[in-house]
Amino acid sequence: AGEVVLKIAYDADGKPTDVKLVADSPATSKTLIEASVEAARSWLFQPEVVGGRALAGTSVVPICYVLQVIGTNRTRGKCDWKAPGHDRALDNGEALALNPAAKLLTEVAGRTL
């Protein structure tokens, strides 16, 4: 189990141009970080549109890895990273857009990264 928080810059087409680990991310394994960065490079974002033109932007995306015990409903691990200035953890599949209208278009919840 573990949690990785990425800062992802993307171009006006929504394609990631830079993927970095957020400085205050929870401590986790190097393997989970590398897998998260690699997966995020293939994602697609919906950029904010201003005056009919799409804009490059940046989003912060927490990725939660939880282990499920085979044959049971029990899980191990909990993700509760909160963005600075926010009082709640982001929900599963939710990203913090640093540009107000940006959205992550790639479905990642429930998939193996």
N, C-alpha and C. Protein backbone atom coordinates (compact mmCIF):
# COMPACT_ATOMS: atom_id res chain seq x y z
N ALA A 1 0.85 -1.18 0.00
CA ALA A 1 0.00 0.00 0.00
C ALA A 1 0.89 1.23 0.00
N GLY A 2 0.38 2.33 -0.50
CA GLY A 2 1.14 3.56 -0.53
C GLY A 2 0.37 4.66 -1.23
N GLU A 3 0.91 5.84 -1.17
CA GLU A 3 0.27 7.00 -1.78
C GLU A 3 1.33 7.83 -2.49
N VAL A 4 1.03 8.22 -3.74
CA VAL A 4 1.93 9.03 -4.54
C VAL A 4 1.15 10.26 -4.98
N VAL A 5 1.75 11.44 -4.82
CA VAL A 5 1.10 12.67 -5.24
C VAL A 5 1.96 13.31 -6.33
N LEU A 6 1.36 13.45 -7.52
CA LEU A 6 2.09 13.97 -8.67
C LEU A 6 1.61 15.36 -9.06
N LYS A 7 2.54 16.18 -9.54
CA LYS A 7 2.22 17.45 -10.16
C LYS A 7 2.46 17.26 -11.65
N ILE A 8 1.39 17.43 -12.44
CA ILE A 8 1.46 17.13 -13.85
C ILE A 8 1.17 18.38 -14.67
N ALA A 9 2.15 18.79 -15.47
CA ALA A 9 1.96 19.90 -16.41
C ALA A 9 1.55 19.28 -17.74
N TYR A 10 0.62 19.95 -18.43
CA TYR A 10 0.16 19.44 -19.72
C TYR A 10 0.04 20.60 -20.71
N ASP A 11 0.09 20.24 -22.01
CA ASP A 11 0.01 21.26 -23.05
C ASP A 11 -1.44 21.57 -23.42
N ALA A 12 -1.63 22.42 -24.40
CA ALA A 12 -2.98 22.83 -24.81
C ALA A 12 -3.78 21.68 -25.40
N ASP A 13 -3.12 20.59 -25.78
CA ASP A 13 -3.82 19.40 -26.28
C ASP A 13 -4.17 18.43 -25.14
N GLY A 14 -3.75 18.76 -23.90
CA GLY A 14 -4.03 17.91 -22.75
C GLY A 14 -3.01 16.82 -22.51
N LYS A 15 -1.93 16.81 -23.28
CA LYS A 15 -0.90 15.78 -23.13
C LYS A 15 0.13 16.21 -22.10
N PRO A 16 0.47 15.33 -21.15
CA PRO A 16 1.46 15.68 -20.13
C PRO A 16 2.81 16.05 -20.75
N THR A 17 3.38 17.13 -20.23
CA THR A 17 4.70 17.58 -20.66
C THR A 17 5.74 17.42 -19.57
N ASP A 18 5.27 17.34 -18.31
CA ASP A 18 6.19 17.20 -17.18
C ASP A 18 5.43 16.54 -16.04
N VAL A 19 6.01 15.51 -15.45
CA VAL A 19 5.39 14.79 -14.33
C VAL A 19 6.41 14.73 -13.21
N LYS A 20 6.05 15.27 -12.04
CA LYS A 20 6.97 15.30 -10.90
C LYS A 20 6.25 14.87 -9.63
N LEU A 21 7.00 14.30 -8.72
CA LEU A 21 6.49 13.99 -7.39
C LEU A 21 6.34 15.30 -6.62
N VAL A 22 5.20 15.52 -5.98
CA VAL A 22 4.98 16.71 -5.17
C VAL A 22 5.92 16.63 -3.96
N ALA A 23 6.54 17.73 -3.64
CA ALA A 23 7.58 17.76 -2.60
C ALA A 23 7.10 17.23 -1.25
N ASP A 24 5.87 17.51 -0.85
CA ASP A 24 5.39 17.07 0.47
C ASP A 24 4.58 15.78 0.39
N SER A 25 4.85 14.95 -0.63
CA SER A 25 4.16 13.67 -0.77
C SER A 25 4.47 12.76 0.42
N PRO A 26 3.53 11.89 0.77
CA PRO A 26 3.82 10.92 1.82
C PRO A 26 4.97 10.00 1.39
N ALA A 27 5.72 9.52 2.35
CA ALA A 27 6.83 8.60 2.04
C ALA A 27 6.25 7.29 1.51
N THR A 28 6.81 6.81 0.41
CA THR A 28 6.35 5.55 -0.19
C THR A 28 7.50 4.95 -0.99
N SER A 29 7.26 3.79 -1.55
CA SER A 29 8.35 3.08 -2.24
C SER A 29 8.69 3.74 -3.58
N LYS A 30 9.95 3.61 -3.93
CA LYS A 30 10.44 4.12 -5.22
C LYS A 30 9.71 3.43 -6.38
N THR A 31 9.38 2.17 -6.22
CA THR A 31 8.69 1.42 -7.26
C THR A 31 7.31 2.01 -7.55
N LEU A 32 6.55 2.36 -6.51
CA LEU A 32 5.23 2.97 -6.70
C LEU A 32 5.35 4.34 -7.36
N ILE A 33 6.37 5.10 -6.97
CA ILE A 33 6.58 6.42 -7.57
C ILE A 33 6.87 6.28 -9.06
N GLU A 34 7.80 5.39 -9.41
CA GLU A 34 8.17 5.20 -10.81
C GLU A 34 6.98 4.72 -11.64
N ALA A 35 6.18 3.79 -11.10
CA ALA A 35 5.01 3.28 -11.82
C ALA A 35 3.98 4.39 -12.02
N SER A 36 3.81 5.23 -11.02
CA SER A 36 2.84 6.33 -11.11
C SER A 36 3.27 7.35 -12.15
N VAL A 37 4.53 7.73 -12.14
CA VAL A 37 5.05 8.70 -13.10
C VAL A 37 4.90 8.16 -14.52
N GLU A 38 5.26 6.89 -14.72
CA GLU A 38 5.16 6.28 -16.05
C GLU A 38 3.71 6.27 -16.52
N ALA A 39 2.78 5.89 -15.66
CA ALA A 39 1.36 5.85 -16.05
C ALA A 39 0.85 7.25 -16.37
N ALA A 40 1.21 8.24 -15.56
CA ALA A 40 0.71 9.61 -15.76
C ALA A 40 1.16 10.20 -17.08
N ARG A 41 2.29 9.77 -17.58
CA ARG A 41 2.78 10.29 -18.87
C ARG A 41 1.87 9.91 -20.03
N SER A 42 1.00 8.91 -19.84
CA SER A 42 0.10 8.48 -20.92
C SER A 42 -1.32 9.04 -20.74
N TRP A 43 -1.57 9.79 -19.69
CA TRP A 43 -2.90 10.34 -19.44
C TRP A 43 -3.22 11.48 -20.39
N LEU A 44 -4.49 11.86 -20.41
CA LEU A 44 -4.95 12.98 -21.21
C LEU A 44 -5.84 13.87 -20.35
N PHE A 45 -5.57 15.16 -20.36
CA PHE A 45 -6.33 16.13 -19.60
C PHE A 45 -7.20 16.98 -20.52
N GLN A 46 -8.25 17.54 -19.98
CA GLN A 46 -9.08 18.49 -20.71
C GLN A 46 -8.68 19.87 -20.23
N PRO A 47 -7.93 20.60 -21.04
CA PRO A 47 -7.45 21.91 -20.61
C PRO A 47 -8.57 22.95 -20.52
N GLU A 48 -8.30 23.97 -19.77
CA GLU A 48 -9.21 25.11 -19.69
C GLU A 48 -9.22 25.82 -21.04
N VAL A 49 -10.39 26.29 -21.46
CA VAL A 49 -10.54 27.02 -22.72
C VAL A 49 -10.91 28.47 -22.39
N VAL A 50 -10.13 29.40 -22.88
CA VAL A 50 -10.37 30.82 -22.67
C VAL A 50 -10.37 31.49 -24.03
N GLY A 51 -11.44 32.20 -24.32
CA GLY A 51 -11.53 32.88 -25.61
C GLY A 51 -11.44 31.94 -26.78
N GLY A 52 -11.96 30.73 -26.61
CA GLY A 52 -11.93 29.76 -27.69
C GLY A 52 -10.61 29.03 -27.88
N ARG A 53 -9.63 29.32 -27.02
CA ARG A 53 -8.30 28.68 -27.13
C ARG A 53 -8.02 27.84 -25.90
N ALA A 54 -7.57 26.62 -26.12
CA ALA A 54 -7.17 25.75 -25.01
C ALA A 54 -5.85 26.24 -24.44
N LEU A 55 -5.72 26.15 -23.12
CA LEU A 55 -4.51 26.61 -22.45
C LEU A 55 -3.77 25.45 -21.80
N ALA A 56 -2.47 25.52 -21.82
CA ALA A 56 -1.66 24.56 -21.07
C ALA A 56 -1.95 24.79 -19.59
N GLY A 57 -1.76 23.77 -18.78
CA GLY A 57 -2.04 23.92 -17.36
C GLY A 57 -1.29 22.90 -16.51
N THR A 58 -1.65 22.86 -15.25
CA THR A 58 -1.02 21.97 -14.29
C THR A 58 -2.08 21.46 -13.31
N SER A 59 -1.99 20.18 -12.95
CA SER A 59 -2.88 19.58 -11.96
C SER A 59 -2.05 18.79 -10.97
N VAL A 60 -2.59 18.64 -9.76
CA VAL A 60 -2.00 17.78 -8.75
C VAL A 60 -2.93 16.57 -8.62
N VAL A 61 -2.35 15.37 -8.74
CA VAL A 61 -3.15 14.14 -8.73
C VAL A 61 -2.58 13.18 -7.68
N PRO A 62 -3.36 12.89 -6.61
CA PRO A 62 -2.93 11.86 -5.67
C PRO A 62 -3.33 10.48 -6.19
N ILE A 63 -2.44 9.53 -6.06
CA ILE A 63 -2.71 8.15 -6.49
C ILE A 63 -2.57 7.27 -5.26
N CYS A 64 -3.64 6.53 -4.97
CA CYS A 64 -3.68 5.69 -3.78
C CYS A 64 -3.55 4.22 -4.18
N TYR A 65 -2.59 3.54 -3.57
CA TYR A 65 -2.42 2.11 -3.78
C TYR A 65 -2.87 1.41 -2.50
N VAL A 66 -3.90 0.58 -2.63
CA VAL A 66 -4.45 -0.14 -1.49
C VAL A 66 -4.41 -1.63 -1.82
N LEU A 67 -3.98 -2.44 -0.88
CA LEU A 67 -3.91 -3.88 -1.08
C LEU A 67 -5.20 -4.52 -0.61
N GLN A 68 -5.77 -5.38 -1.43
CA GLN A 68 -6.97 -6.11 -1.03
C GLN A 68 -6.57 -7.55 -0.77
N VAL A 69 -7.02 -8.07 0.37
CA VAL A 69 -6.73 -9.45 0.74
C VAL A 69 -7.59 -10.35 -0.14
N ILE A 70 -6.94 -11.23 -0.91
CA ILE A 70 -7.64 -12.09 -1.86
C ILE A 70 -8.69 -12.93 -1.14
N GLY A 71 -9.88 -12.98 -1.73
CA GLY A 71 -10.97 -13.79 -1.18
C GLY A 71 -11.74 -13.11 -0.06
N THR A 72 -11.42 -11.83 0.22
CA THR A 72 -12.11 -11.11 1.29
C THR A 72 -12.45 -9.70 0.81
N ASN A 73 -13.15 -8.98 1.64
CA ASN A 73 -13.43 -7.57 1.38
C ASN A 73 -12.48 -6.67 2.17
N ARG A 74 -11.49 -7.25 2.81
CA ARG A 74 -10.56 -6.49 3.63
C ARG A 74 -9.48 -5.84 2.78
N THR A 75 -9.12 -4.64 3.14
CA THR A 75 -8.04 -3.94 2.45
C THR A 75 -7.01 -3.47 3.46
N ARG A 76 -5.81 -3.23 2.97
CA ARG A 76 -4.72 -2.68 3.79
C ARG A 76 -4.26 -1.39 3.13
N GLY A 77 -4.13 -0.37 3.93
CA GLY A 77 -3.66 0.91 3.43
C GLY A 77 -4.76 1.94 3.42
N LYS A 78 -4.38 3.17 3.57
CA LYS A 78 -5.34 4.27 3.58
C LYS A 78 -4.66 5.49 2.98
N CYS A 79 -5.39 6.22 2.18
CA CYS A 79 -4.85 7.44 1.58
C CYS A 79 -5.64 8.63 2.10
N ASP A 80 -4.93 9.59 2.62
CA ASP A 80 -5.62 10.76 3.17
C ASP A 80 -4.84 12.05 2.94
N TRP A 81 -4.08 12.12 1.83
CA TRP A 81 -3.32 13.32 1.53
C TRP A 81 -4.27 14.49 1.31
N LYS A 82 -3.95 15.62 1.90
CA LYS A 82 -4.74 16.83 1.74
C LYS A 82 -3.87 17.89 1.09
N ALA A 83 -4.41 18.53 0.07
CA ALA A 83 -3.68 19.61 -0.59
C ALA A 83 -3.52 20.76 0.39
N PRO A 84 -2.40 21.46 0.32
CA PRO A 84 -2.20 22.62 1.20
C PRO A 84 -3.38 23.59 1.07
N GLY A 85 -3.93 24.00 2.22
CA GLY A 85 -5.05 24.93 2.23
C GLY A 85 -6.41 24.27 2.11
N HIS A 86 -6.46 22.95 2.01
CA HIS A 86 -7.73 22.22 1.92
C HIS A 86 -7.94 21.42 3.20
N ASP A 87 -9.19 21.27 3.60
CA ASP A 87 -9.47 20.59 4.86
C ASP A 87 -9.94 19.15 4.70
N ARG A 88 -9.96 18.63 3.47
CA ARG A 88 -10.35 17.24 3.27
C ARG A 88 -9.45 16.58 2.24
N ALA A 89 -9.36 15.26 2.35
CA ALA A 89 -8.61 14.49 1.36
C ALA A 89 -9.41 14.44 0.07
N LEU A 90 -8.74 14.32 -1.04
CA LEU A 90 -9.43 14.20 -2.32
C LEU A 90 -10.08 12.83 -2.42
N ASP A 91 -11.24 12.78 -3.07
CA ASP A 91 -11.95 11.52 -3.28
C ASP A 91 -11.24 10.69 -4.33
N ASN A 92 -11.56 9.39 -4.35
CA ASN A 92 -10.99 8.46 -5.32
C ASN A 92 -11.25 8.96 -6.74
N GLY A 93 -10.21 9.11 -7.53
CA GLY A 93 -10.33 9.57 -8.90
C GLY A 93 -10.39 11.08 -9.06
N GLU A 94 -10.34 11.82 -7.96
CA GLU A 94 -10.42 13.28 -8.02
C GLU A 94 -9.01 13.88 -8.14
N ALA A 95 -8.87 14.91 -8.96
CA ALA A 95 -7.60 15.62 -9.12
C ALA A 95 -7.80 17.06 -8.69
N LEU A 96 -6.74 17.69 -8.22
CA LEU A 96 -6.78 19.09 -7.84
C LEU A 96 -6.24 19.89 -9.02
N ALA A 97 -7.14 20.57 -9.73
CA ALA A 97 -6.73 21.34 -10.90
C ALA A 97 -6.14 22.67 -10.43
N LEU A 98 -4.94 22.95 -10.85
CA LEU A 98 -4.33 24.23 -10.55
C LEU A 98 -4.80 25.27 -11.55
N ASN A 99 -5.56 24.81 -12.55
CA ASN A 99 -6.27 25.66 -13.49
C ASN A 99 -7.74 25.33 -13.28
N PRO A 100 -8.60 26.28 -13.02
CA PRO A 100 -9.95 26.02 -12.55
C PRO A 100 -10.82 25.09 -13.38
N ALA A 101 -10.67 25.03 -14.69
CA ALA A 101 -11.56 24.22 -15.52
C ALA A 101 -10.90 22.94 -16.03
N ALA A 102 -9.70 22.62 -15.58
CA ALA A 102 -9.00 21.44 -16.07
C ALA A 102 -9.62 20.17 -15.49
N LYS A 103 -9.66 19.11 -16.32
CA LYS A 103 -10.20 17.82 -15.89
C LYS A 103 -9.29 16.72 -16.42
N LEU A 104 -9.15 15.65 -15.64
CA LEU A 104 -8.42 14.46 -16.09
C LEU A 104 -9.39 13.63 -16.91
N LEU A 105 -9.09 13.38 -18.18
CA LEU A 105 -9.97 12.62 -19.05
C LEU A 105 -9.71 11.12 -18.98
N THR A 106 -8.51 10.73 -18.63
CA THR A 106 -8.15 9.33 -18.59
C THR A 106 -8.72 8.68 -17.33
N GLU A 107 -9.45 7.58 -17.48
CA GLU A 107 -10.01 6.85 -16.35
C GLU A 107 -8.88 6.04 -15.70
N VAL A 108 -8.63 6.27 -14.42
CA VAL A 108 -7.55 5.55 -13.75
C VAL A 108 -8.03 4.77 -12.54
N ALA A 109 -9.16 5.12 -11.97
CA ALA A 109 -9.65 4.45 -10.77
C ALA A 109 -9.92 2.98 -11.06
N GLY A 110 -9.45 2.12 -10.18
CA GLY A 110 -9.71 0.70 -10.32
C GLY A 110 -8.84 -0.03 -11.31
N ARG A 111 -7.85 0.63 -11.87
CA ARG A 111 -6.97 -0.01 -12.84
C ARG A 111 -5.61 -0.28 -12.22
N THR A 112 -4.92 -1.26 -12.75
CA THR A 112 -3.57 -1.54 -12.32
C THR A 112 -2.63 -0.61 -13.06
N LEU A 113 -1.80 0.09 -12.31
CA LEU A 113 -0.85 1.01 -12.94
C LEU A 113 0.52 0.37 -13.00
